[in-house]
C-alpha atoms as a PDB file:
ATOM      1  CA  UNK A   1       0.127  -0.243  -0.156  1.00  0.00           C
ATOM      2  CA  UNK A   2       0.941   3.311  -0.677  1.00  0.00           C
ATOM      3  CA  UNK A   3      -0.085   6.159   1.193  1.00  0.00           C
ATOM      4  CA  UNK A   4      -1.600   9.345  -0.813  1.00  0.00           C
ATOM      5  CA  UNK A   5      -2.631  12.595  -0.073  1.00  0.00           C
ATOM      6  CA  UNK A   6      -5.836  12.872   1.837  1.00  0.00           C
ATOM      7  CA  UNK A   7      -5.406   9.161   3.558  1.00  0.00           C
ATOM      8  CA  UNK A   8      -6.055   9.124   7.306  1.00  0.00           C
ATOM      9  CA  UNK A   9      -3.132   8.553   9.429  1.00  0.00           C
ATOM     10  CA  UNK A  10      -2.607   4.285   9.370  1.00  0.00           C
ATOM     11  CA  UNK A  11      -4.705   2.151  12.411  1.00  0.00           C
ATOM     12  CA  UNK A  12      -0.710   0.518  13.615  1.00  0.00           C
ATOM     13  CA  UNK A  13       0.808   0.645  16.076  1.00  0.00           C
ATOM     14  CA  UNK A  14       4.582   0.647  17.383  1.00  0.00           C
ATOM     15  CA  UNK A  15       7.474   0.647  20.541  1.00  0.00           C
ATOM     16  CA  UNK A  16       8.810   3.422  22.012  1.00  0.00           C
ATOM     17  CA  UNK A  17      12.380   3.283  22.801  1.00  0.00           C
ATOM     18  CA  UNK A  18      11.819   2.525  26.884  1.00  0.00           C
ATOM     19  CA  UNK A  19       8.908  -0.059  25.071  1.00  0.00           C
ATOM     20  CA  UNK A  20       5.150   1.207  25.319  1.00  0.00           C
ATOM     21  CA  UNK A  21       3.177   0.769  22.523  1.00  0.00           C
ATOM     22  CA  UNK A  22       2.082   3.974  20.463  1.00  0.00           C
ATOM     23  CA  UNK A  23      -1.692   3.836  18.403  1.00  0.00           C
ATOM     24  CA  UNK A  24       0.185   6.162  15.275  1.00  0.00           C
ATOM     25  CA  UNK A  25      -4.110   7.192  14.951  1.00  0.00           C
ATOM     26  CA  UNK A  26      -3.546   8.383  18.082  1.00  0.00           C
ATOM     27  CA  UNK A  27      -0.417  10.689  18.141  1.00  0.00           C
ATOM     28  CA  UNK A  28      -1.494  14.533  19.287  1.00  0.00           C
ATOM     29  CA  UNK A  29      -1.632  15.708  15.176  1.00  0.00           C
ATOM     30  CA  UNK A  30      -0.734  17.464  13.270  1.00  0.00           C
ATOM     31  CA  UNK A  31       2.183  15.511  12.921  1.00  0.00           C
ATOM     32  CA  UNK A  32       5.318  14.169  11.709  1.00  0.00           C
ATOM     33  CA  UNK A  33       5.825  10.491  10.520  1.00  0.00           C
ATOM     34  CA  UNK A  34       9.265   9.775   8.901  1.00  0.00           C
ATOM     35  CA  UNK A  35      10.973   6.571   8.438  1.00  0.00           C
ATOM     36  CA  UNK A  36      14.338   5.664   8.186  1.00  0.00           C
ATOM     37  CA  UNK A  37      16.667   2.480   7.143  1.00  0.00           C
ATOM     38  CA  UNK A  38      18.622   2.475   9.861  1.00  0.00           C
ATOM     39  CA  UNK A  39      19.805   3.903  14.034  1.00  0.00           C
ATOM     40  CA  UNK A  40      23.258   4.772  14.038  1.00  0.00           C
ATOM     41  CA  UNK A  41      24.580   5.144  10.358  1.00  0.00           C
ATOM     42  CA  UNK A  42      25.319   8.777   8.830  1.00  0.00           C
ATOM     43  CA  UNK A  43      22.168   9.455   7.566  1.00  0.00           C
ATOM     44  CA  UNK A  44      20.337   8.611   8.931  1.00  0.00           C
ATOM     45  CA  UNK A  45      22.119  10.305  12.440  1.00  0.00           C
ATOM     46  CA  UNK A  46      21.602  13.322  10.448  1.00  0.00           C
ATOM     47  CA  UNK A  47      18.293  13.323   9.621  1.00  0.00           C
ATOM     48  CA  UNK A  48      17.646  13.087  13.366  1.00  0.00           C
ATOM     49  CA  UNK A  49      20.296  14.829  14.944  1.00  0.00           C
ATOM     50  CA  UNK A  50      18.251  18.160  12.291  1.00  0.00           C
ATOM     51  CA  UNK A  51      14.797  16.728  13.106  1.00  0.00           C
ATOM     52  CA  UNK A  52      15.619  17.494  17.303  1.00  0.00           C
ATOM     53  CA  UNK A  53      17.073  20.807  16.620  1.00  0.00           C
ATOM     54  CA  UNK A  54      13.651  22.220  14.726  1.00  0.00           C
ATOM     55  CA  UNK A  55      11.756  19.825  17.677  1.00  0.00           C
ATOM     56  CA  UNK A  56      11.722  23.503  19.601  1.00  0.00           C
ATOM     57  CA  UNK A  57      10.038  24.971  16.301  1.00  0.00           C
ATOM     58  CA  UNK A  58       7.930  21.968  15.371  1.00  0.00           C
ATOM     59  CA  UNK A  59       6.473  22.285  18.602  1.00  0.00           C
ATOM     60  CA  UNK A  60       5.221  26.082  18.510  1.00  0.00           C
ATOM     61  CA  UNK A  61       3.809  25.236  15.760  1.00  0.00           C
ATOM     62  CA  UNK A  62       1.719  22.055  17.335  1.00  0.00           C
ATOM     63  CA  UNK A  63       3.242  19.298  15.196  1.00  0.00           C
ATOM     64  CA  UNK A  64       4.622  16.168  16.908  1.00  0.00           C
ATOM     65  CA  UNK A  65       7.496  14.862  15.082  1.00  0.00           C
ATOM     66  CA  UNK A  66       8.321  10.968  15.163  1.00  0.00           C
ATOM     67  CA  UNK A  67      10.919   8.921  13.730  1.00  0.00           C
ATOM     68  CA  UNK A  68      10.324   5.067  12.946  1.00  0.00           C
ATOM     69  CA  UNK A  69      12.766   2.112  11.653  1.00  0.00           C
ATOM     70  CA  UNK A  70      12.668  -1.579  11.966  1.00  0.00           C
ATOM     71  CA  UNK A  71      15.193  -1.148  15.048  1.00  0.00           C
ATOM     72  CA  UNK A  72      14.227  -2.393  18.334  1.00  0.00           C
ATOM     73  CA  UNK A  73      13.549  -0.244  21.069  1.00  0.00           C
ATOM     74  CA  UNK A  74      17.089  -0.409  22.833  1.00  0.00           C
ATOM     75  CA  UNK A  75      18.670   0.258  20.384  1.00  0.00           C
ATOM     76  CA  UNK A  76      16.427   3.476  19.390  1.00  0.00           C
ATOM     77  CA  UNK A  77      16.932   4.284  23.164  1.00  0.00           C
ATOM     78  CA  UNK A  78      21.103   4.129  22.899  1.00  0.00           C
ATOM     79  CA  UNK A  79      20.788   6.053  19.226  1.00  0.00           C
ATOM     80  CA  UNK A  80      18.431   8.618  21.417  1.00  0.00           C
ATOM     81  CA  UNK A  81      21.167   8.322  24.378  1.00  0.00           C
ATOM     82  CA  UNK A  82      24.647   8.594  22.070  1.00  0.00           C
ATOM     83  CA  UNK A  83      22.953  12.154  19.544  1.00  0.00           C
ATOM     84  CA  UNK A  84      20.913  13.196  22.493  1.00  0.00           C
ATOM     85  CA  UNK A  85      18.523  13.343  20.698  1.00  0.00           C
ATOM     86  CA  UNK A  86      15.339  14.721  21.584  1.00  0.00           C
ATOM     87  CA  UNK A  87      12.854  13.305  18.632  1.00  0.00           C
ATOM     88  CA  UNK A  88      10.762  10.307  19.208  1.00  0.00           C
ATOM     89  CA  UNK A  89      11.994   7.186  17.742  1.00  0.00           C
ATOM     90  CA  UNK A  90       9.386   4.014  17.354  1.00  0.00           C
ATOM     91  CA  UNK A  91       9.952   1.049  16.571  1.00  0.00           C
ATOM     92  CA  UNK A  92       8.593  -1.122  14.211  1.00  0.00           C
ATOM     93  CA  UNK A  93      10.024  -4.428  14.629  1.00  0.00           C
ATOM     94  CA  UNK A  94       7.135  -6.288  12.911  1.00  0.00           C
ATOM     95  CA  UNK A  95       6.665  -4.018   9.386  1.00  0.00           C
ATOM     96  CA  UNK A  96       3.154  -3.761  10.175  1.00  0.00           C
ATOM     97  CA  UNK A  97       3.931   0.510  10.475  1.00  0.00           C
ATOM     98  CA  UNK A  98       6.533   0.637   7.092  1.00  0.00           C
ATOM     99  CA  UNK A  99       3.249  -2.086   5.442  1.00  0.00           C
ATOM    100  CA  UNK A 100       0.757   0.522   5.477  1.00  0.00           C
ATOM    101  CA  UNK A 101       2.558   3.385   4.868  1.00  0.00           C
ATOM    102  CA  UNK A 102       4.586   1.665   1.925  1.00  0.00           C
ATOM    103  CA  UNK A 103       7.999   2.109   3.018  1.00  0.00           C
ATOM    104  CA  UNK A 104       9.277  -1.303   3.016  1.00  0.00           C
ATOM    105  CA  UNK A 105      10.905  -2.044  -0.064  1.00  0.00           C
ATOM    106  CA  UNK A 106      12.987  -3.502  -2.416  1.00  0.00           C
ATOM    107  CA  UNK A 107      15.792  -1.092  -2.933  1.00  0.00           C
ATOM    108  CA  UNK A 108      19.915  -1.328  -4.638  1.00  0.00           C
ATOM    109  CA  UNK A 109      22.724  -0.050  -3.282  1.00  0.00           C
ATOM    110  CA  UNK A 110      27.240  -0.597  -5.213  1.00  0.00           C
ATOM    111  CA  UNK A 111      24.571  -3.303  -7.790  1.00  0.00           C
ATOM    112  CA  UNK A 112      23.124  -5.204  -4.436  1.00  0.00           C
ATOM    113  CA  UNK A 113      19.014  -5.050  -4.494  1.00  0.00           C
ATOM    114  CA  UNK A 114      17.768  -6.102  -0.928  1.00  0.00           C
ATOM    115  CA  UNK A 115      15.306  -5.172   1.254  1.00  0.00           C
ATOM    116  CA  UNK A 116      14.607  -2.435   3.137  1.00  0.00           C
ATOM    117  CA  UNK A 117      12.317   0.694   4.421  1.00  0.00           C
ATOM    118  CA  UNK A 118      12.694   3.763   1.738  1.00  0.00           C
ATOM    119  CA  UNK A 119      14.064   6.832   3.621  1.00  0.00           C
ATOM    120  CA  UNK A 120       9.813   9.193   4.186  1.00  0.00           C
ATOM    121  CA  UNK A 121       8.487  12.171   5.795  1.00  0.00           C
ATOM    122  CA  UNK A 122       4.818  12.008   5.798  1.00  0.00           C
ATOM    123  CA  UNK A 123       2.427  15.138   7.152  1.00  0.00           C
ATOM    124  CA  UNK A 124      -0.768  14.471   8.541  1.00  0.00           C
ATOM    125  CA  UNK A 125      -3.163  17.405   9.578  1.00  0.00           C
ATOM    126  CA  UNK A 126      -5.143  18.683  12.252  1.00  0.00           C
ATOM    127  CA  UNK A 127      -7.766  15.809  10.947  1.00  0.00           C
ATOM    128  CA  UNK A 128      -5.378  12.905  10.611  1.00  0.00           C
ATOM    129  CA  UNK A 129      -5.768  12.306   7.088  1.00  0.00           C
ATOM    130  CA  UNK A 130      -1.902  12.881   4.967  1.00  0.00           C
ATOM    131  CA  UNK A 131      -1.443  16.303   3.592  1.00  0.00           C
ATOM    132  CA  UNK A 132       2.208  15.928   2.067  1.00  0.00           C
ATOM    133  CA  UNK A 133       3.695  13.137   1.567  1.00  0.00           C
ATOM    134  CA  UNK A 134       7.972  12.748   1.001  1.00  0.00           C
ATOM    135  CA  UNK A 135       9.630   9.655  -1.249  1.00  0.00           C
ATOM    136  CA  UNK A 136      12.956   8.699  -1.421  1.00  0.00           C
ATOM    137  CA  UNK A 137      14.114  11.632   0.532  1.00  0.00           C
ATOM    138  CA  UNK A 138      17.118  13.312   0.930  1.00  0.00           C
ATOM    139  CA  UNK A 139      18.869  14.711   3.921  1.00  0.00           C
ATOM    140  CA  UNK A 140      20.391  17.630   3.937  1.00  0.00           C
ATOM    141  CA  UNK A 141      18.005  19.926   4.475  1.00  0.00           C
ATOM    142  CA  UNK A 142      14.832  17.979   4.782  1.00  0.00           C
ATOM    143  CA  UNK A 143      13.340  18.731   8.041  1.00  0.00           C
ATOM    144  CA  UNK A 144      13.483  22.088   7.249  1.00  0.00           C
ATOM    145  CA  UNK A 145      11.324  21.202   5.027  1.00  0.00           C
ATOM    146  CA  UNK A 146       9.235  19.643   6.488  1.00  0.00           C
ATOM    147  CA  UNK A 147       9.022  22.483   9.389  1.00  0.00           C
ATOM    148  CA  UNK A 148       8.049  24.768   5.996  1.00  0.00           C
ATOM    149  CA  UNK A 149       5.190  22.844   5.047  1.00  0.00           C
ATOM    150  CA  UNK A 150       3.924  22.495   9.133  1.00  0.00           C
ATOM    151  CA  UNK A 151       4.450  25.737   9.901  1.00  0.00           C
ATOM    152  CA  UNK A 152       2.225  26.338   6.756  1.00  0.00           C
ATOM    153  CA  UNK A 153      -0.947  23.977   7.828  1.00  0.00           C
END
């Protein structure tokens, strides 16, 4: 399934770094849900640092932000502590959240094909409907672009 503008936030759950279950359709709205491949890799670390650095601006705009990967809650906790991240990270070890958003699929790196998480971001409005989706995200400047769109809600 691929999320398209106007779709409702999927009713799927993920787990926080401290092991609590969170239903995504109960997140405070408006909300940003961003997907990234793996904790503590260069691009993913930069993206998490960028969203963390803009956390107060997202909060001032009334927008909650969560990052999602298939890493374990323990790995998320270690990643957040190591880099002093303020962005909330959710674990999707089962892949249900990735499937609901259409972010799990075939990727290619150095000529090898494998299954993985597409770096993608979704902005949901106050009504819980998808306002904008960014696919195949390039990290530099991305968090700022999402903030600008969120501030325009």
